[in-house]
Amino acid sequence: MATYEYRCLQDGSFDVTLPIGTAGPTLCCPRCGGPAGRMFSAPRLARTPAALREAIDRSERSAERPDVVGRVPGGHPTRRSPNPAHARLPRW
């Protein structure tokens, strides 16, 4: 989907979201119903939120040079199961 900008002579600019390649050169104004011509405008590029951008960057860096840790991050205490059969399972 793409956002196209149209301009009505009476009511001004308005945006329409349509599938790419389906926007015509004119469209009816949603306010007055008169003809509105399609305008050429700069593309509307969305900015990635800072937290998401940092997570993506961290993921890309770790693909080549993963961080090596000596313990489980967060320092969660290990839980022991009361079932004696679980004692024979491998530990991480």
N, C-alpha and C. Protein backbone atom coordinates (compact mmCIF):
# COMPACT_ATOMS: atom_id res chain seq x y z
N MET A 1 0.85 -1.18 0.00
CA MET A 1 0.00 0.00 0.00
C MET A 1 0.89 1.24 0.00
N ALA A 2 0.43 2.23 -0.70
CA ALA A 2 1.16 3.50 -0.80
C ALA A 2 0.20 4.64 -0.45
N THR A 3 0.76 5.71 0.05
CA THR A 3 -0.03 6.89 0.36
C THR A 3 0.18 7.92 -0.74
N TYR A 4 -0.90 8.35 -1.34
CA TYR A 4 -0.85 9.33 -2.42
C TYR A 4 -1.48 10.63 -1.93
N GLU A 5 -0.95 11.74 -2.40
CA GLU A 5 -1.45 13.05 -2.00
C GLU A 5 -2.20 13.68 -3.17
N TYR A 6 -3.39 14.16 -2.87
CA TYR A 6 -4.22 14.84 -3.88
C TYR A 6 -4.53 16.24 -3.37
N ARG A 7 -4.81 17.15 -4.31
CA ARG A 7 -5.14 18.53 -3.93
C ARG A 7 -6.42 18.95 -4.62
N CYS A 8 -7.36 19.37 -3.78
CA CYS A 8 -8.63 19.91 -4.25
C CYS A 8 -8.48 21.43 -4.28
N LEU A 9 -8.97 22.06 -5.35
CA LEU A 9 -8.85 23.52 -5.45
C LEU A 9 -9.65 24.23 -4.37
N GLN A 10 -10.72 23.62 -3.91
CA GLN A 10 -11.58 24.26 -2.92
C GLN A 10 -11.16 23.90 -1.48
N ASP A 11 -10.83 22.62 -1.21
CA ASP A 11 -10.59 22.18 0.17
C ASP A 11 -9.13 21.91 0.51
N GLY A 12 -8.24 21.94 -0.44
CA GLY A 12 -6.82 21.73 -0.14
C GLY A 12 -6.40 20.27 -0.28
N SER A 13 -5.29 19.93 0.38
CA SER A 13 -4.67 18.61 0.24
C SER A 13 -5.35 17.54 1.10
N PHE A 14 -5.29 16.30 0.61
CA PHE A 14 -5.72 15.15 1.40
C PHE A 14 -4.96 13.93 0.92
N ASP A 15 -4.84 12.94 1.78
CA ASP A 15 -4.09 11.72 1.48
C ASP A 15 -5.03 10.55 1.26
N VAL A 16 -4.62 9.65 0.37
CA VAL A 16 -5.38 8.44 0.07
C VAL A 16 -4.40 7.27 0.07
N THR A 17 -4.75 6.18 0.74
CA THR A 17 -3.92 4.98 0.74
C THR A 17 -4.53 3.97 -0.22
N LEU A 18 -3.72 3.61 -1.24
CA LEU A 18 -4.17 2.69 -2.28
C LEU A 18 -3.07 1.70 -2.60
N PRO A 19 -3.40 0.57 -3.22
CA PRO A 19 -2.34 -0.33 -3.68
C PRO A 19 -1.43 0.38 -4.68
N ILE A 20 -0.17 0.03 -4.68
CA ILE A 20 0.80 0.67 -5.55
C ILE A 20 0.39 0.51 -7.01
N GLY A 21 0.44 1.61 -7.75
CA GLY A 21 0.12 1.60 -9.17
C GLY A 21 -1.34 1.76 -9.50
N THR A 22 -2.21 1.90 -8.52
CA THR A 22 -3.64 2.01 -8.82
C THR A 22 -4.18 3.43 -8.70
N ALA A 23 -3.34 4.37 -8.30
CA ALA A 23 -3.80 5.75 -8.13
C ALA A 23 -3.92 6.43 -9.48
N GLY A 24 -5.06 7.03 -9.71
CA GLY A 24 -5.29 7.74 -10.97
C GLY A 24 -4.82 9.18 -10.88
N PRO A 25 -4.84 9.90 -12.01
CA PRO A 25 -4.38 11.29 -12.00
C PRO A 25 -5.34 12.24 -11.28
N THR A 26 -6.62 11.86 -11.21
CA THR A 26 -7.60 12.67 -10.46
C THR A 26 -8.45 11.76 -9.59
N LEU A 27 -9.03 12.37 -8.57
CA LEU A 27 -9.89 11.64 -7.63
C LEU A 27 -10.92 12.63 -7.11
N CYS A 28 -12.06 12.14 -6.66
CA CYS A 28 -13.07 13.02 -6.08
C CYS A 28 -12.67 13.40 -4.66
N CYS A 29 -12.83 14.67 -4.35
CA CYS A 29 -12.52 15.17 -3.00
C CYS A 29 -13.50 14.56 -2.01
N PRO A 30 -13.02 14.04 -0.86
CA PRO A 30 -13.94 13.44 0.10
C PRO A 30 -14.82 14.48 0.81
N ARG A 31 -14.45 15.76 0.79
CA ARG A 31 -15.23 16.79 1.48
C ARG A 31 -16.32 17.39 0.58
N CYS A 32 -15.89 17.84 -0.62
CA CYS A 32 -16.85 18.54 -1.49
C CYS A 32 -17.29 17.72 -2.69
N GLY A 33 -16.55 16.64 -3.02
CA GLY A 33 -16.91 15.82 -4.16
C GLY A 33 -16.37 16.33 -5.48
N GLY A 34 -15.66 17.46 -5.46
CA GLY A 34 -15.09 18.03 -6.67
C GLY A 34 -13.83 17.29 -7.10
N PRO A 35 -13.32 17.58 -8.29
CA PRO A 35 -12.12 16.90 -8.76
C PRO A 35 -10.88 17.38 -8.01
N ALA A 36 -9.99 16.42 -7.73
CA ALA A 36 -8.73 16.72 -7.05
C ALA A 36 -7.61 16.09 -7.86
N GLY A 37 -6.59 16.86 -8.14
CA GLY A 37 -5.46 16.36 -8.92
C GLY A 37 -4.40 15.74 -8.04
N ARG A 38 -3.76 14.72 -8.58
CA ARG A 38 -2.69 14.05 -7.83
C ARG A 38 -1.44 14.91 -7.83
N MET A 39 -0.80 15.00 -6.67
CA MET A 39 0.41 15.80 -6.52
C MET A 39 1.62 14.86 -6.39
N PHE A 40 2.74 15.32 -6.86
CA PHE A 40 3.99 14.60 -6.63
C PHE A 40 4.59 15.16 -5.36
N SER A 41 4.87 14.27 -4.41
CA SER A 41 5.41 14.71 -3.13
C SER A 41 6.50 13.74 -2.69
N ALA A 42 7.24 14.14 -1.67
CA ALA A 42 8.33 13.30 -1.15
C ALA A 42 7.74 12.04 -0.53
N PRO A 43 8.44 10.92 -0.64
CA PRO A 43 7.94 9.69 -0.01
C PRO A 43 7.93 9.83 1.50
N ARG A 44 6.99 9.19 2.12
CA ARG A 44 6.87 9.25 3.58
C ARG A 44 7.56 8.02 4.16
N LEU A 45 8.77 8.22 4.59
CA LEU A 45 9.54 7.13 5.15
C LEU A 45 9.38 7.14 6.65
N ALA A 46 9.00 6.01 7.19
CA ALA A 46 8.81 5.90 8.64
C ALA A 46 10.16 5.72 9.33
N ARG A 47 10.31 6.34 10.47
CA ARG A 47 11.53 6.19 11.24
C ARG A 47 11.37 5.01 12.20
N THR A 48 12.43 4.26 12.34
CA THR A 48 12.44 3.12 13.25
C THR A 48 12.63 3.64 14.68
N PRO A 49 11.84 3.18 15.65
CA PRO A 49 12.04 3.61 17.03
C PRO A 49 13.45 3.25 17.51
N ALA A 50 14.00 4.08 18.40
CA ALA A 50 15.38 3.91 18.85
C ALA A 50 15.62 2.54 19.48
N ALA A 51 14.70 2.07 20.31
CA ALA A 51 14.88 0.77 20.97
C ALA A 51 14.92 -0.37 19.96
N LEU A 52 14.07 -0.32 18.96
CA LEU A 52 14.06 -1.36 17.92
C LEU A 52 15.34 -1.29 17.08
N ARG A 53 15.77 -0.07 16.73
CA ARG A 53 16.99 0.09 15.96
C ARG A 53 18.20 -0.46 16.72
N GLU A 54 18.28 -0.21 18.02
CA GLU A 54 19.38 -0.72 18.83
C GLU A 54 19.34 -2.25 18.89
N ALA A 55 18.15 -2.84 19.02
CA ALA A 55 18.03 -4.30 19.05
C ALA A 55 18.48 -4.91 17.73
N ILE A 56 18.11 -4.29 16.61
CA ILE A 56 18.53 -4.79 15.30
C ILE A 56 20.04 -4.68 15.15
N ASP A 57 20.61 -3.54 15.56
CA ASP A 57 22.06 -3.36 15.48
C ASP A 57 22.79 -4.38 16.34
N ARG A 58 22.29 -4.62 17.55
CA ARG A 58 22.91 -5.60 18.45
C ARG A 58 22.85 -7.00 17.84
N SER A 59 21.75 -7.32 17.22
CA SER A 59 21.59 -8.63 16.59
C SER A 59 22.57 -8.79 15.42
N GLU A 60 22.72 -7.75 14.62
CA GLU A 60 23.64 -7.82 13.49
C GLU A 60 25.09 -7.93 13.96
N ARG A 61 25.45 -7.19 15.02
CA ARG A 61 26.82 -7.28 15.54
C ARG A 61 27.11 -8.67 16.09
N SER A 62 26.13 -9.29 16.75
CA SER A 62 26.37 -10.59 17.37
C SER A 62 26.45 -11.71 16.33
N ALA A 63 26.03 -11.47 15.09
CA ALA A 63 26.13 -12.50 14.06
C ALA A 63 27.59 -12.77 13.73
N GLU A 64 28.42 -11.74 13.75
CA GLU A 64 29.84 -11.90 13.44
C GLU A 64 30.70 -12.14 14.68
N ARG A 65 30.38 -11.43 15.75
CA ARG A 65 31.17 -11.53 16.98
C ARG A 65 30.22 -11.68 18.17
N PRO A 66 29.76 -12.89 18.45
CA PRO A 66 28.82 -13.06 19.56
C PRO A 66 29.49 -12.78 20.90
N ASP A 67 28.73 -12.21 21.82
CA ASP A 67 29.23 -11.96 23.17
C ASP A 67 29.42 -13.29 23.88
N VAL A 68 30.56 -13.45 24.56
CA VAL A 68 30.83 -14.66 25.33
C VAL A 68 30.58 -14.32 26.79
N VAL A 69 29.78 -15.13 27.44
CA VAL A 69 29.45 -14.89 28.85
C VAL A 69 29.94 -16.05 29.70
N GLY A 70 30.24 -15.76 30.96
CA GLY A 70 30.71 -16.78 31.88
C GLY A 70 29.60 -17.36 32.75
N ARG A 71 28.45 -16.69 32.75
CA ARG A 71 27.31 -17.16 33.55
C ARG A 71 26.02 -16.76 32.86
N VAL A 72 24.94 -17.27 33.33
CA VAL A 72 23.63 -16.94 32.76
C VAL A 72 23.32 -15.49 33.08
N PRO A 73 22.99 -14.68 32.07
CA PRO A 73 22.66 -13.28 32.34
C PRO A 73 21.46 -13.15 33.26
N GLY A 74 21.50 -12.19 34.13
CA GLY A 74 20.39 -11.95 35.05
C GLY A 74 20.60 -12.55 36.41
N GLY A 75 21.49 -13.50 36.54
CA GLY A 75 21.79 -14.08 37.86
C GLY A 75 20.61 -14.79 38.51
N HIS A 76 19.80 -15.47 37.73
CA HIS A 76 18.67 -16.21 38.30
C HIS A 76 19.19 -17.41 39.10
N PRO A 77 18.66 -17.64 40.28
CA PRO A 77 19.10 -18.81 41.05
C PRO A 77 18.63 -20.10 40.37
N THR A 78 19.44 -21.13 40.45
CA THR A 78 19.04 -22.41 39.87
C THR A 78 18.03 -23.08 40.77
N ARG A 79 17.06 -23.71 40.17
CA ARG A 79 16.02 -24.40 40.93
C ARG A 79 16.32 -25.89 40.92
N ARG A 80 16.14 -26.51 42.03
CA ARG A 80 16.31 -27.96 42.15
C ARG A 80 14.94 -28.62 42.18
N SER A 81 14.82 -29.65 41.36
CA SER A 81 13.56 -30.37 41.31
C SER A 81 13.51 -31.37 42.47
N PRO A 82 12.36 -31.56 43.08
CA PRO A 82 12.25 -32.55 44.16
C PRO A 82 12.27 -34.00 43.64
N ASN A 83 12.15 -34.18 42.33
CA ASN A 83 12.15 -35.51 41.76
C ASN A 83 13.59 -36.02 41.66
N PRO A 84 13.95 -37.16 42.30
CA PRO A 84 15.33 -37.66 42.26
C PRO A 84 15.78 -38.07 40.86
N ALA A 85 14.86 -38.41 39.97
CA ALA A 85 15.24 -38.79 38.61
C ALA A 85 15.82 -37.60 37.85
N HIS A 86 15.42 -36.40 38.22
CA HIS A 86 15.93 -35.20 37.56
C HIS A 86 17.38 -34.93 37.92
N ALA A 87 17.90 -35.47 39.00
CA ALA A 87 19.27 -35.24 39.42
C ALA A 87 20.26 -35.83 38.41
N ARG A 88 19.85 -36.84 37.66
CA ARG A 88 20.74 -37.47 36.68
C ARG A 88 20.78 -36.73 35.33
N LEU A 89 19.91 -35.74 35.16
CA LEU A 89 19.89 -34.98 33.91
C LEU A 89 21.12 -34.06 33.83
N PRO A 90 21.60 -33.79 32.64
CA PRO A 90 22.78 -32.91 32.51
C PRO A 90 22.46 -31.49 32.98
N ARG A 91 23.43 -30.84 33.56
CA ARG A 91 23.29 -29.47 34.06
C ARG A 91 23.89 -28.51 33.03
N TRP A 92 23.36 -27.31 32.97
CA TRP A 92 23.88 -26.31 32.04
C TRP A 92 24.77 -25.37 32.76
